[in-house]
Amino acid sequence: MWASSAGHCCNPSCHTELFQTSKDGSIKCIGEIAHIIGRKEKGPRGKSKLPLAQRDDFNNLIVLCPSCHTMVDNNPDTYTDELLRNWKKEQEESISRIMSVPIFQNREEIRNVLTPLLEENKAIYELYGPDSENATKRQMDAESMWNRLSVQKIIPNNRKIESILRNNQHLMTDKERTVFNQFKLHREGFEYNKISGDVNPAVPMFPRELNSIFL
């Protein structure tokens, strides 16, 4: 659900960012998973032919901020199930357009697209990451910036990088495919640690060889 919404409220007139950085640097999720058709027949939009057993299924759920969740449930005649399904569909289609990745014809084309993403991630890590000078001298400030930019910049960049590499494996060497698989594991673990709050120290480090892939 969180991936399908890209971490934003699905109300097109809202789009509130649902993963926010608190003063102590931790990431808090303020989003809520709402039922399009009420979980019970007496719930909002609950008078439907949709069986109760299917009302917790993905297709009947939508990610909203707390304010929009309250608004749509308190005004079910205005915010119909059809309208909410359109919100969800538009959000998913918008993300799909943003994340769509072409199949490139040569390695240079891929490198030109990857370079700004990798360089931005690297700059953020070197400025605010756990091993940065700022983390040593101004730990709380650096940690807050690191957590915020990890969610706002690094995680979206990592997803784009993975998509580009996945769609263009035909141009990779065997060694580069190994690096790609290492990066996938890192990307999944890094994202889990930053969003779930359940930090797993076993998450693999970023494979530095990725910085020179397709050179």
N, C-alpha and C. Protein backbone atom coordinates (compact mmCIF):
# COMPACT_ATOMS: atom_id res chain seq x y z
N MET A 1 0.82 -1.20 0.00
CA MET A 1 0.00 0.00 0.00
C MET A 1 0.87 1.26 0.00
N TRP A 2 1.90 1.27 0.85
CA TRP A 2 2.74 2.47 0.92
C TRP A 2 3.49 2.67 -0.40
N ALA A 3 3.94 1.60 -1.00
CA ALA A 3 4.66 1.72 -2.27
C ALA A 3 3.73 2.24 -3.36
N SER A 4 2.49 1.74 -3.39
CA SER A 4 1.56 2.14 -4.44
C SER A 4 1.16 3.61 -4.33
N SER A 5 1.29 4.19 -3.14
CA SER A 5 0.94 5.60 -2.95
C SER A 5 2.17 6.50 -2.99
N ALA A 6 3.37 5.89 -3.03
CA ALA A 6 4.64 6.64 -3.00
C ALA A 6 4.75 7.49 -1.73
N GLY A 7 4.09 7.06 -0.67
CA GLY A 7 4.21 7.77 0.60
C GLY A 7 3.51 9.11 0.66
N HIS A 8 2.47 9.29 -0.18
CA HIS A 8 1.71 10.54 -0.18
C HIS A 8 0.22 10.24 -0.12
N CYS A 9 -0.53 11.16 0.45
CA CYS A 9 -1.99 11.04 0.49
C CYS A 9 -2.52 10.95 -0.92
N CYS A 10 -3.46 10.02 -1.16
CA CYS A 10 -3.98 9.80 -2.51
C CYS A 10 -5.05 10.81 -2.93
N ASN A 11 -5.46 11.68 -2.03
CA ASN A 11 -6.38 12.75 -2.41
C ASN A 11 -5.63 13.72 -3.32
N PRO A 12 -6.03 13.86 -4.59
CA PRO A 12 -5.26 14.69 -5.53
C PRO A 12 -5.18 16.16 -5.15
N SER A 13 -6.08 16.63 -4.30
CA SER A 13 -6.02 18.02 -3.86
C SER A 13 -5.23 18.17 -2.56
N CYS A 14 -4.66 17.08 -2.09
CA CYS A 14 -3.90 17.10 -0.83
C CYS A 14 -2.44 16.69 -1.06
N HIS A 15 -2.24 15.40 -1.34
CA HIS A 15 -0.89 14.86 -1.59
C HIS A 15 0.09 15.13 -0.45
N THR A 16 -0.41 15.19 0.77
CA THR A 16 0.47 15.39 1.92
C THR A 16 1.52 14.28 1.99
N GLU A 17 2.76 14.66 2.30
CA GLU A 17 3.82 13.68 2.48
C GLU A 17 3.59 12.95 3.80
N LEU A 18 3.54 11.63 3.76
CA LEU A 18 3.11 10.85 4.92
C LEU A 18 4.25 10.36 5.81
N PHE A 19 5.49 10.46 5.34
CA PHE A 19 6.64 10.10 6.16
C PHE A 19 7.38 11.38 6.50
N GLN A 20 7.30 11.78 7.76
CA GLN A 20 7.84 13.07 8.18
C GLN A 20 8.90 12.89 9.25
N THR A 21 9.86 13.81 9.25
CA THR A 21 10.98 13.75 10.19
C THR A 21 10.65 14.54 11.45
N SER A 22 10.75 13.89 12.61
CA SER A 22 10.49 14.58 13.87
C SER A 22 11.75 15.30 14.33
N LYS A 23 11.67 16.07 15.40
CA LYS A 23 12.81 16.85 15.88
C LYS A 23 13.99 15.99 16.30
N ASP A 24 13.72 14.76 16.74
CA ASP A 24 14.82 13.89 17.17
C ASP A 24 15.45 13.14 16.00
N GLY A 25 14.99 13.43 14.78
CA GLY A 25 15.58 12.82 13.60
C GLY A 25 14.91 11.53 13.15
N SER A 26 13.97 11.03 13.92
CA SER A 26 13.30 9.78 13.55
C SER A 26 12.21 10.05 12.51
N ILE A 27 11.90 9.01 11.74
CA ILE A 27 10.87 9.11 10.71
C ILE A 27 9.54 8.62 11.27
N LYS A 28 8.52 9.45 11.17
CA LYS A 28 7.19 9.09 11.65
C LYS A 28 6.24 8.99 10.46
N CYS A 29 5.46 7.92 10.43
CA CYS A 29 4.44 7.77 9.39
C CYS A 29 3.12 8.30 9.92
N ILE A 30 2.56 9.30 9.26
CA ILE A 30 1.28 9.86 9.70
C ILE A 30 0.13 9.36 8.82
N GLY A 31 0.46 8.53 7.84
CA GLY A 31 -0.57 8.04 6.92
C GLY A 31 -1.48 7.00 7.55
N GLU A 32 -2.63 6.84 6.95
CA GLU A 32 -3.60 5.84 7.41
C GLU A 32 -4.14 5.07 6.21
N ILE A 33 -4.37 3.79 6.41
CA ILE A 33 -4.96 2.97 5.36
C ILE A 33 -6.46 2.95 5.57
N ALA A 34 -7.18 3.50 4.61
CA ALA A 34 -8.63 3.64 4.73
C ALA A 34 -9.34 2.62 3.84
N HIS A 35 -10.55 2.26 4.26
CA HIS A 35 -11.38 1.37 3.45
C HIS A 35 -12.20 2.20 2.47
N ILE A 36 -12.18 1.80 1.22
CA ILE A 36 -13.01 2.47 0.22
C ILE A 36 -14.47 2.15 0.49
N ILE A 37 -14.79 0.90 0.58
CA ILE A 37 -16.10 0.44 1.06
C ILE A 37 -15.90 0.01 2.50
N GLY A 38 -16.72 0.52 3.37
CA GLY A 38 -16.54 0.29 4.80
C GLY A 38 -16.33 -1.18 5.16
N ARG A 39 -15.51 -1.38 6.17
CA ARG A 39 -15.21 -2.74 6.59
C ARG A 39 -16.47 -3.47 7.05
N LYS A 40 -17.41 -2.72 7.59
CA LYS A 40 -18.69 -3.28 8.02
C LYS A 40 -19.81 -2.61 7.24
N GLU A 41 -20.95 -3.24 7.19
CA GLU A 41 -22.07 -2.71 6.42
C GLU A 41 -22.54 -1.36 6.95
N LYS A 42 -22.36 -1.11 8.25
CA LYS A 42 -22.76 0.16 8.83
C LYS A 42 -21.69 1.23 8.69
N GLY A 43 -20.54 0.86 8.14
CA GLY A 43 -19.46 1.81 7.97
C GLY A 43 -19.67 2.70 6.76
N PRO A 44 -18.78 3.68 6.55
CA PRO A 44 -18.88 4.58 5.40
C PRO A 44 -18.88 3.80 4.08
N ARG A 45 -19.88 4.08 3.25
CA ARG A 45 -20.03 3.41 1.94
C ARG A 45 -20.18 1.89 2.12
N GLY A 46 -20.63 1.49 3.29
CA GLY A 46 -20.66 0.06 3.64
C GLY A 46 -21.77 -0.75 3.00
N LYS A 47 -22.80 -0.07 2.51
CA LYS A 47 -23.90 -0.79 1.87
C LYS A 47 -23.49 -1.13 0.44
N SER A 48 -22.88 -2.26 0.29
CA SER A 48 -22.32 -2.65 -1.00
C SER A 48 -22.44 -4.16 -1.17
N LYS A 49 -22.38 -4.60 -2.42
CA LYS A 49 -22.41 -6.03 -2.70
C LYS A 49 -21.07 -6.70 -2.42
N LEU A 50 -20.03 -5.90 -2.16
CA LEU A 50 -18.71 -6.47 -1.89
C LEU A 50 -18.76 -7.29 -0.62
N PRO A 51 -18.43 -8.59 -0.67
CA PRO A 51 -18.48 -9.44 0.53
C PRO A 51 -17.60 -8.90 1.64
N LEU A 52 -18.03 -9.07 2.87
CA LEU A 52 -17.25 -8.59 4.02
C LEU A 52 -15.86 -9.21 4.03
N ALA A 53 -15.76 -10.44 3.58
CA ALA A 53 -14.46 -11.15 3.60
C ALA A 53 -13.45 -10.52 2.65
N GLN A 54 -13.92 -9.69 1.70
CA GLN A 54 -13.01 -9.09 0.72
C GLN A 54 -12.73 -7.60 1.01
N ARG A 55 -13.23 -7.12 2.11
CA ARG A 55 -13.13 -5.67 2.35
C ARG A 55 -11.78 -5.23 2.91
N ASP A 56 -10.94 -6.18 3.29
CA ASP A 56 -9.58 -5.85 3.70
C ASP A 56 -8.57 -6.10 2.59
N ASP A 57 -9.07 -6.46 1.41
CA ASP A 57 -8.18 -6.72 0.28
C ASP A 57 -7.58 -5.42 -0.25
N PHE A 58 -6.44 -5.55 -0.92
CA PHE A 58 -5.72 -4.39 -1.46
C PHE A 58 -6.62 -3.50 -2.30
N ASN A 59 -7.47 -4.09 -3.14
CA ASN A 59 -8.30 -3.32 -4.06
C ASN A 59 -9.32 -2.44 -3.36
N ASN A 60 -9.60 -2.72 -2.09
CA ASN A 60 -10.58 -1.93 -1.34
C ASN A 60 -9.92 -1.00 -0.33
N LEU A 61 -8.63 -0.80 -0.46
CA LEU A 61 -7.91 0.05 0.50
C LEU A 61 -7.25 1.21 -0.24
N ILE A 62 -7.10 2.33 0.47
CA ILE A 62 -6.47 3.52 -0.09
C ILE A 62 -5.69 4.21 1.02
N VAL A 63 -4.56 4.80 0.68
CA VAL A 63 -3.72 5.51 1.66
C VAL A 63 -4.09 6.98 1.68
N LEU A 64 -4.42 7.48 2.88
CA LEU A 64 -4.80 8.87 3.06
C LEU A 64 -4.10 9.47 4.27
N CYS A 65 -4.01 10.78 4.32
CA CYS A 65 -3.55 11.44 5.54
C CYS A 65 -4.70 11.40 6.55
N PRO A 66 -4.45 11.62 7.83
CA PRO A 66 -5.53 11.56 8.83
C PRO A 66 -6.70 12.50 8.54
N SER A 67 -6.39 13.71 8.07
CA SER A 67 -7.47 14.68 7.80
C SER A 67 -8.38 14.22 6.67
N CYS A 68 -7.77 13.72 5.59
CA CYS A 68 -8.57 13.26 4.46
C CYS A 68 -9.34 11.99 4.81
N HIS A 69 -8.73 11.13 5.62
CA HIS A 69 -9.42 9.90 6.06
C HIS A 69 -10.70 10.27 6.81
N THR A 70 -10.58 11.21 7.74
CA THR A 70 -11.75 11.65 8.51
C THR A 70 -12.78 12.30 7.59
N MET A 71 -12.30 13.13 6.68
CA MET A 71 -13.20 13.86 5.78
C MET A 71 -14.02 12.91 4.92
N VAL A 72 -13.36 11.91 4.30
CA VAL A 72 -14.10 11.03 3.38
C VAL A 72 -15.04 10.10 4.13
N ASP A 73 -14.68 9.72 5.36
CA ASP A 73 -15.56 8.82 6.11
C ASP A 73 -16.74 9.57 6.74
N ASN A 74 -16.55 10.84 7.03
CA ASN A 74 -17.65 11.63 7.59
C ASN A 74 -18.61 12.15 6.52
N ASN A 75 -18.19 12.06 5.26
CA ASN A 75 -19.02 12.56 4.15
C ASN A 75 -19.08 11.52 3.03
N PRO A 76 -19.62 10.34 3.33
CA PRO A 76 -19.61 9.24 2.35
C PRO A 76 -20.44 9.50 1.11
N ASP A 77 -21.45 10.37 1.21
CA ASP A 77 -22.27 10.66 0.04
C ASP A 77 -21.49 11.53 -0.97
N THR A 78 -20.61 12.36 -0.44
CA THR A 78 -19.78 13.21 -1.31
C THR A 78 -18.59 12.43 -1.84
N TYR A 79 -17.96 11.68 -0.93
CA TYR A 79 -16.77 10.92 -1.30
C TYR A 79 -17.17 9.46 -1.51
N THR A 80 -17.67 9.19 -2.69
CA THR A 80 -18.19 7.87 -3.01
C THR A 80 -17.07 6.87 -3.24
N ASP A 81 -17.44 5.59 -3.27
CA ASP A 81 -16.43 4.56 -3.54
C ASP A 81 -15.83 4.74 -4.94
N GLU A 82 -16.64 5.18 -5.90
CA GLU A 82 -16.12 5.41 -7.25
C GLU A 82 -15.07 6.52 -7.26
N LEU A 83 -15.33 7.60 -6.52
CA LEU A 83 -14.39 8.71 -6.46
C LEU A 83 -13.08 8.26 -5.82
N LEU A 84 -13.17 7.51 -4.72
CA LEU A 84 -11.96 7.06 -4.03
C LEU A 84 -11.15 6.10 -4.90
N ARG A 85 -11.83 5.26 -5.66
CA ARG A 85 -11.12 4.35 -6.56
C ARG A 85 -10.40 5.15 -7.67
N ASN A 86 -11.03 6.22 -8.11
CA ASN A 86 -10.38 7.08 -9.11
C ASN A 86 -9.14 7.75 -8.53
N TRP A 87 -9.23 8.21 -7.27
CA TRP A 87 -8.06 8.79 -6.61
C TRP A 87 -6.90 7.80 -6.61
N LYS A 88 -7.21 6.59 -6.19
CA LYS A 88 -6.17 5.56 -6.08
C LYS A 88 -5.59 5.24 -7.45
N LYS A 89 -6.45 5.11 -8.44
CA LYS A 89 -5.99 4.78 -9.80
C LYS A 89 -5.11 5.89 -10.35
N GLU A 90 -5.51 7.15 -10.17
CA GLU A 90 -4.73 8.28 -10.67
C GLU A 90 -3.37 8.34 -10.00
N GLN A 91 -3.33 8.05 -8.69
CA GLN A 91 -2.06 8.06 -7.98
C GLN A 91 -1.12 6.99 -8.52
N GLU A 92 -1.64 5.78 -8.71
CA GLU A 92 -0.82 4.67 -9.21
C GLU A 92 -0.34 4.95 -10.63
N GLU A 93 -1.21 5.52 -11.47
CA GLU A 93 -0.82 5.82 -12.85
C GLU A 93 0.24 6.92 -12.89
N SER A 94 0.10 7.90 -11.99
CA SER A 94 1.08 8.98 -11.93
C SER A 94 2.45 8.45 -11.53
N ILE A 95 2.49 7.56 -10.56
CA ILE A 95 3.75 6.96 -10.12
C ILE A 95 4.35 6.11 -11.22
N SER A 96 3.49 5.38 -11.92
CA SER A 96 3.96 4.54 -13.02
C SER A 96 4.62 5.37 -14.11
N ARG A 97 4.04 6.54 -14.42
CA ARG A 97 4.61 7.41 -15.44
C ARG A 97 5.97 7.95 -15.00
N ILE A 98 6.06 8.33 -13.73
CA ILE A 98 7.31 8.87 -13.21
C ILE A 98 8.40 7.81 -13.21
N MET A 99 8.02 6.59 -12.86
CA MET A 99 9.00 5.52 -12.70
C MET A 99 9.24 4.73 -13.98
N SER A 100 8.52 5.06 -15.05
CA SER A 100 8.71 4.31 -16.29
C SER A 100 10.14 4.50 -16.79
N VAL A 101 10.75 3.41 -17.22
CA VAL A 101 12.16 3.42 -17.61
C VAL A 101 12.31 2.85 -19.02
N PRO A 102 12.98 3.57 -19.91
CA PRO A 102 13.18 3.04 -21.26
C PRO A 102 14.26 1.96 -21.30
N ILE A 103 14.28 1.22 -22.36
CA ILE A 103 15.37 0.28 -22.63
C ILE A 103 16.37 1.00 -23.51
N PHE A 104 17.59 1.16 -22.99
CA PHE A 104 18.60 1.93 -23.70
C PHE A 104 19.33 1.07 -24.73
N GLN A 105 19.95 1.76 -25.66
CA GLN A 105 20.64 1.08 -26.75
C GLN A 105 22.13 0.88 -26.49
N ASN A 106 22.69 1.68 -25.59
CA ASN A 106 24.11 1.53 -25.30
C ASN A 106 24.42 1.93 -23.86
N ARG A 107 25.59 1.59 -23.42
CA ARG A 107 25.99 1.81 -22.03
C ARG A 107 26.14 3.29 -21.70
N GLU A 108 26.56 4.08 -22.65
CA GLU A 108 26.74 5.51 -22.39
C GLU A 108 25.43 6.19 -22.05
N GLU A 109 24.35 5.82 -22.74
CA GLU A 109 23.04 6.40 -22.46
C GLU A 109 22.61 6.09 -21.04
N ILE A 110 22.83 4.86 -20.61
CA ILE A 110 22.45 4.47 -19.25
C ILE A 110 23.26 5.27 -18.23
N ARG A 111 24.55 5.36 -18.48
CA ARG A 111 25.43 6.06 -17.55
C ARG A 111 25.01 7.52 -17.38
N ASN A 112 24.62 8.15 -18.47
CA ASN A 112 24.20 9.55 -18.42
C ASN A 112 22.97 9.75 -17.54
N VAL A 113 22.10 8.75 -17.49
CA VAL A 113 20.90 8.84 -16.65
C VAL A 113 21.22 8.48 -15.20
N LEU A 114 22.10 7.51 -14.99
CA LEU A 114 22.43 7.06 -13.64
C LEU A 114 23.27 8.07 -12.88
N THR A 115 24.18 8.74 -13.57
CA THR A 115 25.17 9.59 -12.91
C THR A 115 24.56 10.63 -11.96
N PRO A 116 23.57 11.44 -12.39
CA PRO A 116 23.03 12.44 -11.45
C PRO A 116 22.36 11.83 -10.24
N LEU A 117 21.74 10.66 -10.39
CA LEU A 117 21.09 10.00 -9.26
C LEU A 117 22.13 9.51 -8.25
N LEU A 118 23.17 8.86 -8.76
CA LEU A 118 24.23 8.35 -7.89
C LEU A 118 24.98 9.49 -7.22
N GLU A 119 25.24 10.56 -7.95
CA GLU A 119 25.98 11.69 -7.39
C GLU A 119 25.18 12.41 -6.30
N GLU A 120 23.87 12.53 -6.50
CA GLU A 120 23.04 13.17 -5.47
C GLU A 120 23.04 12.34 -4.19
N ASN A 121 22.87 11.03 -4.33
CA ASN A 121 22.90 10.15 -3.15
C ASN A 121 24.24 10.25 -2.43
N LYS A 122 25.31 10.24 -3.20
CA LYS A 122 26.64 10.29 -2.62
C LYS A 122 26.86 11.60 -1.87
N ALA A 123 26.42 12.71 -2.46
CA ALA A 123 26.59 14.02 -1.82
C ALA A 123 25.83 14.10 -0.50
N ILE A 124 24.63 13.56 -0.46
CA ILE A 124 23.84 13.55 0.77
C ILE A 124 24.53 12.71 1.84
N TYR A 125 25.03 11.53 1.44
CA TYR A 125 25.71 10.65 2.40
C TYR A 125 26.97 11.32 2.95
N GLU A 126 27.74 11.93 2.08
CA GLU A 126 28.99 12.54 2.53
C GLU A 126 28.76 13.77 3.41
N LEU A 127 27.64 14.46 3.21
CA LEU A 127 27.34 15.63 4.02
C LEU A 127 26.70 15.29 5.36
N TYR A 128 25.77 14.32 5.35
CA TYR A 128 24.96 14.08 6.54
C TYR A 128 24.93 12.63 7.01
N GLY A 129 25.54 11.71 6.27
CA GLY A 129 25.50 10.30 6.64
C GLY A 129 26.23 10.00 7.94
N PRO A 130 26.08 8.78 8.46
CA PRO A 130 26.67 8.40 9.75
C PRO A 130 28.19 8.59 9.83
N ASP A 131 28.88 8.55 8.69
CA ASP A 131 30.34 8.69 8.69
C ASP A 131 30.80 10.08 8.30
N SER A 132 29.87 11.01 8.18
CA SER A 132 30.21 12.36 7.73
C SER A 132 30.81 13.19 8.85
N GLU A 133 31.49 14.26 8.48
CA GLU A 133 32.05 15.20 9.47
C GLU A 133 30.94 15.86 10.27
N ASN A 134 29.82 16.18 9.60
CA ASN A 134 28.68 16.78 10.32
C ASN A 134 28.13 15.85 11.38
N ALA A 135 28.14 14.55 11.11
CA ALA A 135 27.63 13.59 12.08
C ALA A 135 28.50 13.56 13.33
N THR A 136 29.76 13.87 13.18
CA THR A 136 30.69 13.90 14.32
C THR A 136 30.56 15.19 15.11
N LYS A 137 30.43 16.31 14.40
CA LYS A 137 30.43 17.61 15.06
C LYS A 137 29.04 18.07 15.49
N ARG A 138 28.03 17.75 14.68
CA ARG A 138 26.66 18.20 14.97
C ARG A 138 25.72 17.00 14.79
N GLN A 139 25.84 16.06 15.68
CA GLN A 139 25.19 14.76 15.51
C GLN A 139 23.69 14.86 15.31
N MET A 140 22.98 15.58 16.17
CA MET A 140 21.52 15.61 16.09
C MET A 140 21.04 16.29 14.81
N ASP A 141 21.69 17.42 14.47
CA ASP A 141 21.30 18.13 13.24
C ASP A 141 21.56 17.27 12.01
N ALA A 142 22.73 16.63 11.99
CA ALA A 142 23.08 15.79 10.84
C ALA A 142 22.15 14.59 10.74
N GLU A 143 21.82 13.99 11.87
CA GLU A 143 20.94 12.82 11.87
C GLU A 143 19.55 13.19 11.35
N SER A 144 19.07 14.37 11.77
CA SER A 144 17.75 14.82 11.31
C SER A 144 17.75 15.02 9.79
N MET A 145 18.79 15.67 9.27
CA MET A 145 18.88 15.89 7.84
C MET A 145 19.05 14.57 7.09
N TRP A 146 19.86 13.68 7.63
CA TRP A 146 20.10 12.38 6.99
C TRP A 146 18.80 11.60 6.88
N ASN A 147 18.03 11.55 7.95
CA ASN A 147 16.77 10.81 7.92
C ASN A 147 15.77 11.43 6.96
N ARG A 148 15.68 12.75 6.97
CA ARG A 148 14.72 13.42 6.09
C ARG A 148 15.09 13.24 4.63
N LEU A 149 16.36 13.46 4.29
CA LEU A 149 16.78 13.35 2.90
C LEU A 149 16.83 11.90 2.43
N SER A 150 17.00 10.98 3.36
CA SER A 150 16.95 9.56 2.98
C SER A 150 15.59 9.21 2.42
N VAL A 151 14.54 9.74 3.05
CA VAL A 151 13.18 9.45 2.61
C VAL A 151 12.81 10.28 1.38
N GLN A 152 13.18 11.56 1.39
CA GLN A 152 12.77 12.46 0.31
C GLN A 152 13.59 12.29 -0.96
N LYS A 153 14.86 11.92 -0.83
CA LYS A 153 15.75 11.88 -2.00
C LYS A 153 16.33 10.49 -2.27
N ILE A 154 16.99 9.90 -1.27
CA ILE A 154 17.75 8.68 -1.53
C ILE A 154 16.83 7.51 -1.89
N ILE A 155 15.76 7.31 -1.14
CA ILE A 155 14.87 6.19 -1.43
C ILE A 155 14.26 6.30 -2.83
N PRO A 156 13.69 7.46 -3.24
CA PRO A 156 13.20 7.57 -4.62
C PRO A 156 14.30 7.38 -5.65
N ASN A 157 15.48 7.94 -5.39
CA ASN A 157 16.60 7.76 -6.32
C ASN A 157 16.98 6.29 -6.44
N ASN A 158 17.03 5.60 -5.31
CA ASN A 158 17.38 4.17 -5.33
C ASN A 158 16.38 3.36 -6.14
N ARG A 159 15.11 3.70 -6.02
CA ARG A 159 14.10 2.98 -6.80
C ARG A 159 14.28 3.21 -8.29
N LYS A 160 14.60 4.45 -8.65
CA LYS A 160 14.84 4.75 -10.07
C LYS A 160 16.06 4.01 -10.57
N ILE A 161 17.12 4.01 -9.77
CA ILE A 161 18.36 3.32 -10.16
C ILE A 161 18.08 1.84 -10.39
N GLU A 162 17.36 1.23 -9.45
CA GLU A 162 17.06 -0.20 -9.58
C GLU A 162 16.22 -0.48 -10.83
N SER A 163 15.25 0.39 -11.10
CA SER A 163 14.40 0.20 -12.29
C SER A 163 15.21 0.31 -13.57
N ILE A 164 16.10 1.29 -13.63
CA ILE A 164 16.95 1.47 -14.81
C ILE A 164 17.82 0.24 -15.03
N LEU A 165 18.43 -0.23 -13.97
CA LEU A 165 19.32 -1.39 -14.09
C LEU A 165 18.54 -2.65 -14.44
N ARG A 166 17.38 -2.82 -13.84
CA ARG A 166 16.58 -4.02 -14.09
C ARG A 166 16.17 -4.10 -15.57
N ASN A 167 15.79 -2.96 -16.14
CA ASN A 167 15.32 -2.95 -17.53
C ASN A 167 16.43 -2.99 -18.56
N ASN A 168 17.68 -2.88 -18.10
CA ASN A 168 18.79 -2.83 -19.04
C ASN A 168 19.90 -3.81 -18.71
N GLN A 169 19.51 -4.94 -18.15
CA GLN A 169 20.49 -5.95 -17.80
C GLN A 169 21.18 -6.54 -19.02
N HIS A 170 20.56 -6.40 -20.18
CA HIS A 170 21.16 -6.95 -21.39
C HIS A 170 22.49 -6.28 -21.74
N LEU A 171 22.73 -5.08 -21.17
CA LEU A 171 23.98 -4.37 -21.44
C LEU A 171 25.00 -4.53 -20.32
N MET A 172 24.69 -5.33 -19.31
CA MET A 172 25.58 -5.52 -18.17
C MET A 172 26.58 -6.64 -18.41
N THR A 173 27.73 -6.51 -17.79
CA THR A 173 28.66 -7.63 -17.72
C THR A 173 28.24 -8.53 -16.57
N ASP A 174 28.83 -9.71 -16.48
CA ASP A 174 28.50 -10.62 -15.38
C ASP A 174 28.82 -9.98 -14.03
N LYS A 175 29.95 -9.28 -13.97
CA LYS A 175 30.34 -8.62 -12.72
C LYS A 175 29.33 -7.54 -12.34
N GLU A 176 28.85 -6.81 -13.33
CA GLU A 176 27.87 -5.75 -13.06
C GLU A 176 26.54 -6.33 -12.59
N ARG A 177 26.17 -7.48 -13.09
CA ARG A 177 24.94 -8.12 -12.61
C ARG A 177 25.07 -8.50 -11.14
N THR A 178 26.25 -8.93 -10.75
CA THR A 178 26.49 -9.25 -9.33
C THR A 178 26.35 -8.00 -8.48
N VAL A 179 26.92 -6.89 -8.94
CA VAL A 179 26.81 -5.62 -8.22
C VAL A 179 25.35 -5.18 -8.14
N PHE A 180 24.63 -5.35 -9.23
CA PHE A 180 23.20 -4.99 -9.27
C PHE A 180 22.42 -5.78 -8.22
N ASN A 181 22.67 -7.07 -8.12
CA ASN A 181 21.97 -7.89 -7.13
C ASN A 181 22.33 -7.46 -5.70
N GLN A 182 23.57 -7.06 -5.49
CA GLN A 182 23.97 -6.55 -4.18
C GLN A 182 23.24 -5.25 -3.86
N PHE A 183 23.11 -4.40 -4.88
CA PHE A 183 22.41 -3.14 -4.67
C PHE A 183 20.93 -3.36 -4.36
N LYS A 184 20.31 -4.31 -5.02
CA LYS A 184 18.89 -4.60 -4.74
C LYS A 184 18.69 -4.96 -3.27
N LEU A 185 19.57 -5.80 -2.74
CA LEU A 185 19.47 -6.18 -1.34
C LEU A 185 19.67 -4.97 -0.43
N HIS A 186 20.63 -4.13 -0.79
CA HIS A 186 20.88 -2.92 -0.01
C HIS A 186 19.66 -2.00 -0.07
N ARG A 187 19.12 -1.78 -1.28
CA ARG A 187 17.99 -0.88 -1.45
C ARG A 187 16.79 -1.31 -0.61
N GLU A 188 16.48 -2.60 -0.65
CA GLU A 188 15.35 -3.12 0.10
C GLU A 188 15.56 -2.94 1.61
N GLY A 189 16.76 -3.27 2.08
CA GLY A 189 17.05 -3.16 3.50
C GLY A 189 17.11 -1.73 3.99
N PHE A 190 17.74 -0.86 3.21
CA PHE A 190 17.84 0.56 3.57
C PHE A 190 16.44 1.17 3.68
N GLU A 191 15.58 0.86 2.72
CA GLU A 191 14.23 1.39 2.72
C GLU A 191 13.44 0.87 3.92
N TYR A 192 13.61 -0.40 4.22
CA TYR A 192 12.93 -0.99 5.38
C TYR A 192 13.37 -0.28 6.66
N ASN A 193 14.66 -0.09 6.82
CA ASN A 193 15.17 0.54 8.04
C ASN A 193 14.67 1.95 8.21
N LYS A 194 14.62 2.71 7.12
CA LYS A 194 14.24 4.11 7.22
C LYS A 194 12.74 4.32 7.40
N ILE A 195 11.94 3.42 6.87
CA ILE A 195 10.49 3.61 6.91
C ILE A 195 9.82 2.86 8.05
N SER A 196 10.27 1.63 8.31
CA SER A 196 9.59 0.80 9.31
C SER A 196 9.90 1.22 10.74
N GLY A 197 11.10 1.77 10.96
CA GLY A 197 11.52 2.10 12.32
C GLY A 197 12.09 0.91 13.06
N ASP A 198 12.00 -0.27 12.45
CA ASP A 198 12.56 -1.50 13.04
C ASP A 198 13.92 -1.74 12.39
N VAL A 199 14.95 -1.07 12.90
CA VAL A 199 16.26 -1.06 12.24
C VAL A 199 16.94 -2.42 12.35
N ASN A 200 17.32 -2.96 11.20
CA ASN A 200 18.01 -4.24 11.13
C ASN A 200 19.48 -4.00 10.79
N PRO A 201 20.40 -4.24 11.70
CA PRO A 201 21.82 -3.96 11.44
C PRO A 201 22.44 -4.89 10.40
N ALA A 202 21.72 -5.93 10.01
CA ALA A 202 22.25 -6.88 9.03
C ALA A 202 22.07 -6.41 7.59
N VAL A 203 21.43 -5.27 7.39
CA VAL A 203 21.23 -4.76 6.03
C VAL A 203 22.59 -4.51 5.37
N PRO A 204 22.81 -5.04 4.17
CA PRO A 204 24.12 -4.87 3.51
C PRO A 204 24.41 -3.42 3.17
N MET A 205 25.68 -3.06 3.19
CA MET A 205 26.11 -1.72 2.84
C MET A 205 25.93 -1.48 1.34
N PHE A 206 25.87 -0.21 0.97
CA PHE A 206 25.81 0.17 -0.43
C PHE A 206 27.06 -0.34 -1.15
N PRO A 207 26.91 -1.08 -2.25
CA PRO A 207 28.08 -1.57 -2.98
C PRO A 207 28.75 -0.43 -3.77
N ARG A 208 29.92 -0.02 -3.34
CA ARG A 208 30.58 1.14 -3.94
C ARG A 208 30.87 0.92 -5.43
N GLU A 209 30.97 -0.33 -5.85
CA GLU A 209 31.23 -0.61 -7.26
C GLU A 209 30.12 -0.06 -8.16
N LEU A 210 28.94 0.19 -7.58
CA LEU A 210 27.83 0.70 -8.38
C LEU A 210 28.16 2.09 -8.94
N ASN A 211 28.97 2.83 -8.22
CA ASN A 211 29.31 4.20 -8.67
C ASN A 211 30.06 4.19 -10.00
N SER A 212 30.67 3.09 -10.36
CA SER A 212 31.41 3.02 -11.62
C SER A 212 30.77 2.08 -12.63
N ILE A 213 29.52 1.69 -12.39
CA ILE A 213 28.85 0.78 -13.31
C ILE A 213 28.61 1.46 -14.65
N PHE A 214 28.75 0.71 -15.72
CA PHE A 214 28.58 1.16 -17.11
C PHE A 214 29.64 2.17 -17.57
N LEU A 215 30.72 2.31 -16.82
CA LEU A 215 31.81 3.18 -17.28
C LEU A 215 32.65 2.44 -18.32
